[in-house]
PDB file of N, CA and C in Angstrom:
ATOM      1  N   UNK A   1     156.268  66.613  78.580  1.00  0.00           N
ATOM      2  CA  UNK A   1     157.433  66.474  78.772  1.00  0.00           C
ATOM      3  C   UNK A   1     157.644  67.607  79.969  1.00  0.00           C
ATOM      4  N   UNK A   2     158.076  67.162  81.282  1.00  0.00           N
ATOM      5  CA  UNK A   2     158.319  68.104  82.418  1.00  0.00           C
ATOM      6  C   UNK A   2     159.540  68.913  81.830  1.00  0.00           C
ATOM      7  N   UNK A   3     159.274  70.057  82.166  1.00  0.00           N
ATOM      8  CA  UNK A   3     160.765  70.912  82.155  1.00  0.00           C
ATOM      9  C   UNK A   3     161.679  71.451  83.216  1.00  0.00           C
ATOM     10  N   UNK A   4     162.318  71.892  83.447  1.00  0.00           N
ATOM     11  CA  UNK A   4     163.151  72.071  84.493  1.00  0.00           C
ATOM     12  C   UNK A   4     162.406  73.198  85.453  1.00  0.00           C
ATOM     13  N   UNK A   5     161.606  74.235  84.957  1.00  0.00           N
ATOM     14  CA  UNK A   5     160.945  75.325  85.644  1.00  0.00           C
ATOM     15  C   UNK A   5     159.783  74.664  86.055  1.00  0.00           C
ATOM     16  N   UNK A   6     159.277  73.505  85.313  1.00  0.00           N
ATOM     17  CA  UNK A   6     157.875  72.689  86.227  1.00  0.00           C
ATOM     18  C   UNK A   6     158.521  72.122  86.881  1.00  0.00           C
ATOM     19  N   UNK A   7     159.592  71.309  87.106  1.00  0.00           N
ATOM     20  CA  UNK A   7     160.139  70.560  88.348  1.00  0.00           C
ATOM     21  C   UNK A   7     160.222  71.846  89.285  1.00  0.00           C
ATOM     22  N   UNK A   8     160.961  72.798  89.430  1.00  0.00           N
ATOM     23  CA  UNK A   8     161.113  73.728  90.341  1.00  0.00           C
ATOM     24  C   UNK A   8     159.997  74.271  90.848  1.00  0.00           C
ATOM     25  N   UNK A   9     158.726  74.746  90.088  1.00  0.00           N
ATOM     26  CA  UNK A   9     157.515  75.274  90.510  1.00  0.00           C
ATOM     27  C   UNK A   9     157.017  74.202  91.235  1.00  0.00           C
ATOM     28  N   UNK A  10     156.910  72.884  90.983  1.00  0.00           N
ATOM     29  CA  UNK A  10     156.583  71.728  91.775  1.00  0.00           C
ATOM     30  C   UNK A  10     157.192  71.684  93.413  1.00  0.00           C
ATOM     31  N   UNK A  11     158.534  71.623  93.243  1.00  0.00           N
ATOM     32  CA  UNK A  11     159.142  71.431  94.170  1.00  0.00           C
ATOM     33  C   UNK A  11     158.659  72.409  95.248  1.00  0.00           C
ATOM     34  N   UNK A  12     158.806  73.895  94.479  1.00  0.00           N
ATOM     35  CA  UNK A  12     158.459  75.204  95.637  1.00  0.00           C
ATOM     36  C   UNK A  12     157.053  75.283  95.991  1.00  0.00           C
ATOM     37  N   UNK A  13     156.042  74.650  95.289  1.00  0.00           N
ATOM     38  CA  UNK A  13     154.764  74.267  95.680  1.00  0.00           C
ATOM     39  C   UNK A  13     154.789  73.426  96.912  1.00  0.00           C
ATOM     40  N   UNK A  14     155.184  72.231  96.782  1.00  0.00           N
ATOM     41  CA  UNK A  14     155.551  71.350  97.839  1.00  0.00           C
ATOM     42  C   UNK A  14     156.318  71.973  99.503  1.00  0.00           C
ATOM     43  N   UNK A  15     157.194  72.639  99.051  1.00  0.00           N
ATOM     44  CA  UNK A  15     157.725  73.174 100.036  1.00  0.00           C
ATOM     45  C   UNK A  15     157.086  74.164 100.856  1.00  0.00           C
ATOM     46  N   UNK A  16     156.261  75.092 100.053  1.00  0.00           N
ATOM     47  CA  UNK A  16     155.437  76.366 100.924  1.00  0.00           C
ATOM     48  C   UNK A  16     154.407  75.274 101.499  1.00  0.00           C
ATOM     49  N   UNK A  17     153.794  74.464 100.901  1.00  0.00           N
ATOM     50  CA  UNK A  17     152.496  73.797 101.513  1.00  0.00           C
ATOM     51  C   UNK A  17     152.958  73.048 102.618  1.00  0.00           C
ATOM     52  N   UNK A  18     154.231  72.449 102.844  1.00  0.00           N
ATOM     53  CA  UNK A  18     154.547  71.460 103.958  1.00  0.00           C
ATOM     54  C   UNK A  18     154.899  72.577 105.174  1.00  0.00           C
ATOM     55  N   UNK A  19     155.741  73.927 104.913  1.00  0.00           N
ATOM     56  CA  UNK A  19     155.860  74.799 105.722  1.00  0.00           C
ATOM     57  C   UNK A  19     154.741  75.490 106.270  1.00  0.00           C
ATOM     58  N   UNK A  20     153.527  75.847 105.427  1.00  0.00           N
ATOM     59  CA  UNK A  20     152.361  76.446 106.060  1.00  0.00           C
ATOM     60  C   UNK A  20     151.664  75.625 106.739  1.00  0.00           C
ATOM     61  N   UNK A  21     151.591  74.215 106.790  1.00  0.00           N
ATOM     62  CA  UNK A  21     150.834  73.566 107.901  1.00  0.00           C
ATOM     63  C   UNK A  21     151.553  73.520 108.914  1.00  0.00           C
ATOM     64  N   UNK A  22     152.954  73.185 109.000  1.00  0.00           N
ATOM     65  CA  UNK A  22     153.860  73.159 110.244  1.00  0.00           C
ATOM     66  C   UNK A  22     154.439  74.178 111.058  1.00  0.00           C
ATOM     67  N   UNK A  23     154.175  75.589 110.407  1.00  0.00           N
ATOM     68  CA  UNK A  23     154.695  76.570 110.912  1.00  0.00           C
ATOM     69  C   UNK A  23     153.690  77.305 111.794  1.00  0.00           C
ATOM     70  N   UNK A  24     152.343  77.041 111.686  1.00  0.00           N
ATOM     71  CA  UNK A  24     151.499  77.874 112.671  1.00  0.00           C
ATOM     72  C   UNK A  24     151.634  77.363 113.998  1.00  0.00           C
ATOM     73  N   UNK A  25     152.021  78.399 115.076  1.00  0.00           N
ATOM     74  CA  UNK A  25     151.771  77.940 116.136  1.00  0.00           C
ATOM     75  C   UNK A  25     150.444  77.755 116.734  1.00  0.00           C
ATOM     76  N   UNK A  26     150.715  76.943 118.030  1.00  0.00           N
ATOM     77  CA  UNK A  26     149.110  76.539 118.733  1.00  0.00           C
ATOM     78  C   UNK A  26     148.491  78.084 118.842  1.00  0.00           C
ATOM     79  N   UNK A  27     147.558  78.172 119.005  1.00  0.00           N
ATOM     80  CA  UNK A  27     146.713  79.407 119.494  1.00  0.00           C
ATOM     81  C   UNK A  27     146.678  79.208 121.135  1.00  0.00           C
ATOM     82  N   UNK A  28     146.922  80.262 121.629  1.00  0.00           N
ATOM     83  CA  UNK A  28     146.988  80.327 123.168  1.00  0.00           C
ATOM     84  C   UNK A  28     145.466  80.415 123.540  1.00  0.00           C
ATOM     85  N   UNK A  29     145.460  80.214 124.750  1.00  0.00           N
ATOM     86  CA  UNK A  29     144.004  80.606 125.823  1.00  0.00           C
ATOM     87  C   UNK A  29     143.838  81.625 125.722  1.00  0.00           C
ATOM     88  N   UNK A  30     144.692  82.678 125.776  1.00  0.00           N
ATOM     89  CA  UNK A  30     144.532  84.258 125.810  1.00  0.00           C
ATOM     90  C   UNK A  30     145.492  84.944 125.117  1.00  0.00           C
ATOM     91  N   UNK A  31     145.312  85.963 124.309  1.00  0.00           N
ATOM     92  CA  UNK A  31     145.929  86.420 123.407  1.00  0.00           C
ATOM     93  C   UNK A  31     145.659  88.048 123.322  1.00  0.00           C
ATOM     94  N   UNK A  32     146.494  89.015 123.182  1.00  0.00           N
ATOM     95  CA  UNK A  32     145.957  90.260 123.087  1.00  0.00           C
ATOM     96  C   UNK A  32     146.895  90.792 121.557  1.00  0.00           C
ATOM     97  N   UNK A  33     146.250  91.887 121.282  1.00  0.00           N
ATOM     98  CA  UNK A  33     146.809  92.437 120.161  1.00  0.00           C
ATOM     99  C   UNK A  33     147.977  93.266 120.289  1.00  0.00           C
ATOM    100  N   UNK A  34     147.567  94.010 121.380  1.00  0.00           N
ATOM    101  CA  UNK A  34     148.562  95.320 122.093  1.00  0.00           C
ATOM    102  C   UNK A  34     149.742  94.670 122.430  1.00  0.00           C
ATOM    103  N   UNK A  35     150.899  95.195 121.612  1.00  0.00           N
ATOM    104  CA  UNK A  35     152.266  94.507 121.854  1.00  0.00           C
ATOM    105  C   UNK A  35     152.758  94.815 123.333  1.00  0.00           C
ATOM    106  N   UNK A  36     152.244  95.684 124.122  1.00  0.00           N
ATOM    107  CA  UNK A  36     152.732  96.014 125.568  1.00  0.00           C
ATOM    108  C   UNK A  36     152.211  94.984 126.671  1.00  0.00           C
ATOM    109  N   UNK A  37     151.216  94.331 126.048  1.00  0.00           N
ATOM    110  CA  UNK A  37     150.554  93.245 126.962  1.00  0.00           C
ATOM    111  C   UNK A  37     151.642  92.036 127.516  1.00  0.00           C
ATOM    112  N   UNK A  38     151.365  91.302 128.195  1.00  0.00           N
ATOM    113  CA  UNK A  38     151.878  90.106 128.548  1.00  0.00           C
ATOM    114  C   UNK A  38     151.669  88.855 127.872  1.00  0.00           C
ATOM    115  N   UNK A  39     150.205  89.172 127.107  1.00  0.00           N
ATOM    116  CA  UNK A  39     149.467  88.183 126.489  1.00  0.00           C
ATOM    117  C   UNK A  39     149.488  88.417 124.724  1.00  0.00           C
ATOM    118  N   UNK A  40     150.602  89.001 124.539  1.00  0.00           N
ATOM    119  CA  UNK A  40     150.769  89.454 123.148  1.00  0.00           C
ATOM    120  C   UNK A  40     152.000  88.571 122.647  1.00  0.00           C
ATOM    121  N   UNK A  41     151.767  87.484 121.565  1.00  0.00           N
ATOM    122  CA  UNK A  41     152.753  86.478 120.912  1.00  0.00           C
ATOM    123  C   UNK A  41     152.819  87.064 119.261  1.00  0.00           C
ATOM    124  N   UNK A  42     154.179  87.694 118.968  1.00  0.00           N
ATOM    125  CA  UNK A  42     154.123  87.993 117.846  1.00  0.00           C
ATOM    126  C   UNK A  42     154.118  87.030 116.832  1.00  0.00           C
ATOM    127  N   UNK A  43     154.630  85.689 116.992  1.00  0.00           N
ATOM    128  CA  UNK A  43     154.500  84.702 115.738  1.00  0.00           C
ATOM    129  C   UNK A  43     153.192  84.316 115.438  1.00  0.00           C
ATOM    130  N   UNK A  44     151.985  84.525 116.360  1.00  0.00           N
ATOM    131  CA  UNK A  44     150.850  84.259 115.651  1.00  0.00           C
ATOM    132  C   UNK A  44     150.128  85.419 115.021  1.00  0.00           C
ATOM    133  N   UNK A  45     150.815  86.752 115.104  1.00  0.00           N
ATOM    134  CA  UNK A  45     150.191  87.524 114.061  1.00  0.00           C
ATOM    135  C   UNK A  45     150.906  87.626 112.719  1.00  0.00           C
ATOM    136  N   UNK A  46     151.663  86.734 112.707  1.00  0.00           N
ATOM    137  CA  UNK A  46     152.244  86.461 111.005  1.00  0.00           C
ATOM    138  C   UNK A  46     151.026  85.820 110.133  1.00  0.00           C
ATOM    139  N   UNK A  47     150.215  85.219 110.924  1.00  0.00           N
ATOM    140  CA  UNK A  47     149.298  84.543 110.234  1.00  0.00           C
ATOM    141  C   UNK A  47     147.777  85.281 110.391  1.00  0.00           C
ATOM    142  N   UNK A  48     146.806  84.948 109.669  1.00  0.00           N
ATOM    143  CA  UNK A  48     145.485  85.283 109.750  1.00  0.00           C
ATOM    144  C   UNK A  48     144.543  84.485 110.918  1.00  0.00           C
ATOM    145  N   UNK A  49     144.106  85.257 111.795  1.00  0.00           N
ATOM    146  CA  UNK A  49     143.562  84.402 112.795  1.00  0.00           C
ATOM    147  C   UNK A  49     141.857  85.033 112.806  1.00  0.00           C
ATOM    148  N   UNK A  50     140.824  84.354 113.437  1.00  0.00           N
ATOM    149  CA  UNK A  50     139.686  84.818 113.399  1.00  0.00           C
ATOM    150  C   UNK A  50     139.131  84.304 114.765  1.00  0.00           C
ATOM    151  N   UNK A  51     138.396  85.463 115.416  1.00  0.00           N
ATOM    152  CA  UNK A  51     137.733  84.829 116.592  1.00  0.00           C
ATOM    153  C   UNK A  51     136.199  84.751 116.792  1.00  0.00           C
ATOM    154  N   UNK A  52     135.600  84.161 116.919  1.00  0.00           N
ATOM    155  CA  UNK A  52     134.137  83.708 116.905  1.00  0.00           C
ATOM    156  C   UNK A  52     133.520  84.004 118.456  1.00  0.00           C
ATOM    157  N   UNK A  53     132.513  84.874 118.674  1.00  0.00           N
ATOM    158  CA  UNK A  53     131.797  84.857 119.855  1.00  0.00           C
ATOM    159  C   UNK A  53     130.326  84.667 119.796  1.00  0.00           C
ATOM    160  N   UNK A  54     129.963  83.518 120.494  1.00  0.00           N
ATOM    161  CA  UNK A  54     128.503  82.818 120.087  1.00  0.00           C
ATOM    162  C   UNK A  54     128.299  82.583 118.857  1.00  0.00           C
ATOM    163  N   UNK A  55     129.269  81.873 117.969  1.00  0.00           N
ATOM    164  CA  UNK A  55     129.247  81.496 116.954  1.00  0.00           C
ATOM    165  C   UNK A  55     129.052  82.691 115.804  1.00  0.00           C
ATOM    166  N   UNK A  56     129.469  83.697 116.150  1.00  0.00           N
ATOM    167  CA  UNK A  56     129.619  84.858 115.204  1.00  0.00           C
ATOM    168  C   UNK A  56     130.942  85.260 115.030  1.00  0.00           C
ATOM    169  N   UNK A  57     131.628  85.401 113.817  1.00  0.00           N
ATOM    170  CA  UNK A  57     132.795  86.025 113.709  1.00  0.00           C
ATOM    171  C   UNK A  57     132.733  87.523 114.191  1.00  0.00           C
ATOM    172  N   UNK A  58     133.668  87.934 115.078  1.00  0.00           N
ATOM    173  CA  UNK A  58     133.987  89.344 115.543  1.00  0.00           C
ATOM    174  C   UNK A  58     135.134  89.616 114.727  1.00  0.00           C
ATOM    175  N   UNK A  59     135.308  91.048 114.283  1.00  0.00           N
ATOM    176  CA  UNK A  59     136.494  91.665 113.548  1.00  0.00           C
ATOM    177  C   UNK A  59     137.193  92.474 114.441  1.00  0.00           C
ATOM    178  N   UNK A  60     136.425  92.817 115.657  1.00  0.00           N
ATOM    179  CA  UNK A  60     137.077  94.041 116.344  1.00  0.00           C
ATOM    180  C   UNK A  60     137.972  93.782 117.644  1.00  0.00           C
ATOM    181  N   UNK A  61     138.211  92.628 117.568  1.00  0.00           N
ATOM    182  CA  UNK A  61     138.615  91.956 119.038  1.00  0.00           C
ATOM    183  C   UNK A  61     140.081  92.510 119.239  1.00  0.00           C
ATOM    184  N   UNK A  62     140.102  92.767 120.455  1.00  0.00           N
ATOM    185  CA  UNK A  62     141.697  93.251 120.917  1.00  0.00           C
ATOM    186  C   UNK A  62     142.164  92.265 121.788  1.00  0.00           C
ATOM    187  N   UNK A  63     141.289  91.597 122.546  1.00  0.00           N
ATOM    188  CA  UNK A  63     141.916  90.546 123.367  1.00  0.00           C
ATOM    189  C   UNK A  63     141.072  89.450 123.622  1.00  0.00           C
ATOM    190  N   UNK A  64     141.272  88.304 123.840  1.00  0.00           N
ATOM    191  CA  UNK A  64     140.217  87.157 123.975  1.00  0.00           C
ATOM    192  C   UNK A  64     140.877  86.447 125.437  1.00  0.00           C
ATOM    193  N   UNK A  65     140.291  85.669 125.770  1.00  0.00           N
ATOM    194  CA  UNK A  65     140.439  84.203 126.900  1.00  0.00           C
ATOM    195  C   UNK A  65     139.176  83.408 126.367  1.00  0.00           C
ATOM    196  N   UNK A  66     139.627  82.412 126.064  1.00  0.00           N
ATOM    197  CA  UNK A  66     138.979  81.044 125.695  1.00  0.00           C
ATOM    198  C   UNK A  66     138.381  80.611 127.070  1.00  0.00           C
ATOM    199  N   UNK A  67     139.243  80.224 127.845  1.00  0.00           N
ATOM    200  CA  UNK A  67     138.712  79.527 129.276  1.00  0.00           C
ATOM    201  C   UNK A  67     137.762  80.224 129.922  1.00  0.00           C
ATOM    202  N   UNK A  68     137.957  81.422 130.337  1.00  0.00           N
ATOM    203  CA  UNK A  68     136.810  82.474 130.858  1.00  0.00           C
ATOM    204  C   UNK A  68     135.752  82.869 130.066  1.00  0.00           C
ATOM    205  N   UNK A  69     135.823  82.825 128.713  1.00  0.00           N
ATOM    206  CA  UNK A  69     134.718  82.966 127.938  1.00  0.00           C
ATOM    207  C   UNK A  69     134.461  84.734 127.541  1.00  0.00           C
ATOM    208  N   UNK A  70     135.596  85.461 127.424  1.00  0.00           N
ATOM    209  CA  UNK A  70     135.366  86.907 127.104  1.00  0.00           C
ATOM    210  C   UNK A  70     136.114  87.338 126.033  1.00  0.00           C
ATOM    211  N   UNK A  71     135.974  88.266 125.367  1.00  0.00           N
ATOM    212  CA  UNK A  71     136.613  89.211 124.456  1.00  0.00           C
ATOM    213  C   UNK A  71     136.671  90.608 124.897  1.00  0.00           C
ATOM    214  N   UNK A  72     137.359  91.373 124.595  1.00  0.00           N
ATOM    215  CA  UNK A  72     137.803  92.812 124.856  1.00  0.00           C
ATOM    216  C   UNK A  72     137.515  93.309 123.437  1.00  0.00           C
ATOM    217  N   UNK A  73     136.677  94.482 123.456  1.00  0.00           N
ATOM    218  CA  UNK A  73     136.513  95.387 122.166  1.00  0.00           C
ATOM    219  C   UNK A  73     136.634  96.616 122.481  1.00  0.00           C
ATOM    220  N   UNK A  74     137.248  97.319 121.372  1.00  0.00           N
ATOM    221  CA  UNK A  74     137.054  98.947 121.932  1.00  0.00           C
ATOM    222  C   UNK A  74     135.692  99.620 121.914  1.00  0.00           C
ATOM    223  N   UNK A  75     135.443 100.449 122.574  1.00  0.00           N
ATOM    224  CA  UNK A  75     134.260 101.321 122.865  1.00  0.00           C
ATOM    225  C   UNK A  75     134.478 102.386 121.613  1.00  0.00           C
ATOM    226  N   UNK A  76     133.283 102.834 120.956  1.00  0.00           N
ATOM    227  CA  UNK A  76     133.533 103.587 119.735  1.00  0.00           C
ATOM    228  C   UNK A  76     133.954 104.988 119.943  1.00  0.00           C
ATOM    229  N   UNK A  77     133.500 105.707 121.054  1.00  0.00           N
ATOM    230  CA  UNK A  77     133.995 107.064 121.236  1.00  0.00           C
ATOM    231  C   UNK A  77     134.904 107.167 122.799  1.00  0.00           C
ATOM    232  N   UNK A  78     134.688 106.560 123.561  1.00  0.00           N
ATOM    233  CA  UNK A  78     135.297 106.932 124.638  1.00  0.00           C
ATOM    234  C   UNK A  78     136.705 106.445 124.582  1.00  0.00           C
ATOM    235  N   UNK A  79     137.489 107.331 125.178  1.00  0.00           N
ATOM    236  CA  UNK A  79     138.981 107.188 125.466  1.00  0.00           C
ATOM    237  C   UNK A  79     139.674 107.291 126.921  1.00  0.00           C
ATOM    238  N   UNK A  80     140.394 106.436 127.027  1.00  0.00           N
ATOM    239  CA  UNK A  80     141.279 106.613 128.332  1.00  0.00           C
ATOM    240  C   UNK A  80     141.977 107.981 128.375  1.00  0.00           C
ATOM    241  N   UNK A  81     142.685 108.307 129.549  1.00  0.00           N
ATOM    242  CA  UNK A  81     143.645 109.438 129.742  1.00  0.00           C
ATOM    243  C   UNK A  81     144.626 109.361 128.871  1.00  0.00           C
ATOM    244  N   UNK A  82     145.289 108.315 128.421  1.00  0.00           N
ATOM    245  CA  UNK A  82     146.240 108.270 127.317  1.00  0.00           C
ATOM    246  C   UNK A  82     146.063 108.004 125.930  1.00  0.00           C
ATOM    247  N   UNK A  83     144.833 108.376 125.575  1.00  0.00           N
ATOM    248  CA  UNK A  83     144.130 108.491 124.285  1.00  0.00           C
ATOM    249  C   UNK A  83     143.761 107.283 123.406  1.00  0.00           C
ATOM    250  N   UNK A  84     143.906 106.178 124.100  1.00  0.00           N
ATOM    251  CA  UNK A  84     143.489 104.655 123.830  1.00  0.00           C
ATOM    252  C   UNK A  84     142.201 104.636 124.081  1.00  0.00           C
ATOM    253  N   UNK A  85     141.275 103.564 123.031  1.00  0.00           N
ATOM    254  CA  UNK A  85     139.671 103.252 123.395  1.00  0.00           C
ATOM    255  C   UNK A  85     139.615 102.705 124.477  1.00  0.00           C
ATOM    256  N   UNK A  86     138.555 102.777 125.316  1.00  0.00           N
ATOM    257  CA  UNK A  86     137.986 102.151 126.458  1.00  0.00           C
ATOM    258  C   UNK A  86     137.672 100.659 125.923  1.00  0.00           C
ATOM    259  N   UNK A  87     138.299  99.626 126.560  1.00  0.00           N
ATOM    260  CA  UNK A  87     137.744  98.334 126.368  1.00  0.00           C
ATOM    261  C   UNK A  87     136.475  97.672 126.876  1.00  0.00           C
ATOM    262  N   UNK A  88     135.551  97.307 126.101  1.00  0.00           N
ATOM    263  CA  UNK A  88     134.153  96.667 126.886  1.00  0.00           C
ATOM    264  C   UNK A  88     134.812  95.120 126.806  1.00  0.00           C
ATOM    265  N   UNK A  89     134.100  94.274 127.796  1.00  0.00           N
ATOM    266  CA  UNK A  89     134.335  92.912 127.830  1.00  0.00           C
ATOM    267  C   UNK A  89     132.872  92.419 127.744  1.00  0.00           C
ATOM    268  N   UNK A  90     132.938  91.648 126.454  1.00  0.00           N
ATOM    269  CA  UNK A  90     131.880  90.876 126.210  1.00  0.00           C
ATOM    270  C   UNK A  90     132.156  89.531 126.409  1.00  0.00           C
ATOM    271  N   UNK A  91     131.112  88.797 127.015  1.00  0.00           N
ATOM    272  CA  UNK A  91     131.046  87.455 127.566  1.00  0.00           C
ATOM    273  C   UNK A  91     130.222  86.626 126.821  1.00  0.00           C
ATOM    274  N   UNK A  92     130.739  85.044 126.628  1.00  0.00           N
ATOM    275  CA  UNK A  92     130.157  84.157 125.657  1.00  0.00           C
ATOM    276  C   UNK A  92     131.063  82.946 125.562  1.00  0.00           C
ATOM    277  N   UNK A  93     130.579  82.159 124.337  1.00  0.00           N
ATOM    278  CA  UNK A  93     131.678  81.206 123.903  1.00  0.00           C
ATOM    279  C   UNK A  93     132.341  81.605 122.886  1.00  0.00           C
ATOM    280  N   UNK A  94     133.879  81.560 123.440  1.00  0.00           N
ATOM    281  CA  UNK A  94     134.774  82.061 122.471  1.00  0.00           C
ATOM    282  C   UNK A  94     135.561  80.754 121.728  1.00  0.00           C
ATOM    283  N   UNK A  95     135.769  81.242 120.435  1.00  0.00           N
ATOM    284  CA  UNK A  95     136.547  80.091 119.536  1.00  0.00           C
ATOM    285  C   UNK A  95     137.703  81.062 118.789  1.00  0.00           C
ATOM    286  N   UNK A  96     138.783  80.464 118.576  1.00  0.00           N
ATOM    287  CA  UNK A  96     139.736  81.274 118.253  1.00  0.00           C
ATOM    288  C   UNK A  96     140.374  79.988 116.936  1.00  0.00           C
ATOM    289  N   UNK A  97     140.528  80.739 115.723  1.00  0.00           N
ATOM    290  CA  UNK A  97     140.880  79.522 114.524  1.00  0.00           C
ATOM    291  C   UNK A  97     141.858  80.509 113.665  1.00  0.00           C
ATOM    292  N   UNK A  98     142.664  79.709 112.841  1.00  0.00           N
ATOM    293  CA  UNK A  98     143.286  80.199 111.460  1.00  0.00           C
ATOM    294  C   UNK A  98     142.400  80.279 110.407  1.00  0.00           C
ATOM    295  N   UNK A  99     142.455  81.299 109.934  1.00  0.00           N
ATOM    296  CA  UNK A  99     141.610  81.401 108.448  1.00  0.00           C
ATOM    297  C   UNK A  99     142.347  80.854 107.423  1.00  0.00           C
TER     298      UNK A  99
END
């Protein structure tokens, strides 16, 4: 026999499932992690996203452009004059997806 707690749990489960699928915005062609960039979209970073470059998932991507086929990743030791890591552009086939 279903209880009121069971019914409430089932309702909340449906509500979260429905909002999870519809609340994810479409991934743009170009996206940046840096909040100072004009290509930064805060709503997208509320969800986990992944970037594949040449069919390999990259975890160090700072910015990407799907149509131009590049990602920007920080260099390991080199810093600019503001103390930020220098970005290296790596070219290839870029895919963005929600995890």
